Amino acid sequence: MAIASEWPTPPDIFEYYRRSIDALTALKLTTVGAVPVGSRFEGMPQDDVQVALVNLRNDLDQSAVLLLVASFEATLQVDFHERVTRKKKDRVSKELRKLWYSNLQRHGRTRWITVEEIVDVWRKHIGQTVIIGNFKQLVLYRHWLAHGRYWVQKSGLLLIDPFDAWQRGVALFNVLPGFQGLVAAWQQNDE
């Protein structure tokens, strides 16, 4: 698999979310007195406009969570592929390569290694079961969002907002050796 040279990073997505909230707030303020002519809100009673804006915010929150978790996963997948192809010598890299090659032997081709499998390897080496469990719970929630929300959601999370998703992702990368510099860069962009 060829890795893209650039993809949306978690800070990029978090900034997009914050700007969208600002835009939604500005829209809400403009609709308090009168609805802009030609907008989808034209002709709606004020209470219906407010309900529509609340629904827009909820959809924005869930979209941002989906994008954030996908970006966290991309970060883990890129690291995984680098460890496999560069044949790094640390214990985690050796274990990830073992996972990769055992899948290759079992299936006769390389099968996608899931983010859950990757963090399970990390958990065996660093512990941090609560932080990793919280992240895996977030991944389950993302699967539910990504696949249309048609089944009963079983992650244990009723609704999670992007700030909570951000904190869970940052907590994970803070405990993974070699990722602290990345988190520091993310948080520097967050200020």
Foldseek 3Di string as FASTA:
>chain_A
DDDDPDDQALLNLVVVLVVVVVVLVVQLVVPPVHHDPPDPCPPPPSVVVVVVSVVVNQVSFLVSLLVNLVNLQSVLVVVLVCLQVVVDDDPLSVVSVVVQVVCCVVPVHGDDDGSLNSVVSVCVVQPPCVLSLVSVLSVQSSVCSVVPVPDDRDSPDPGDGNVRSVVSSLVVLCRRPPSVVVSVVSVVSVD
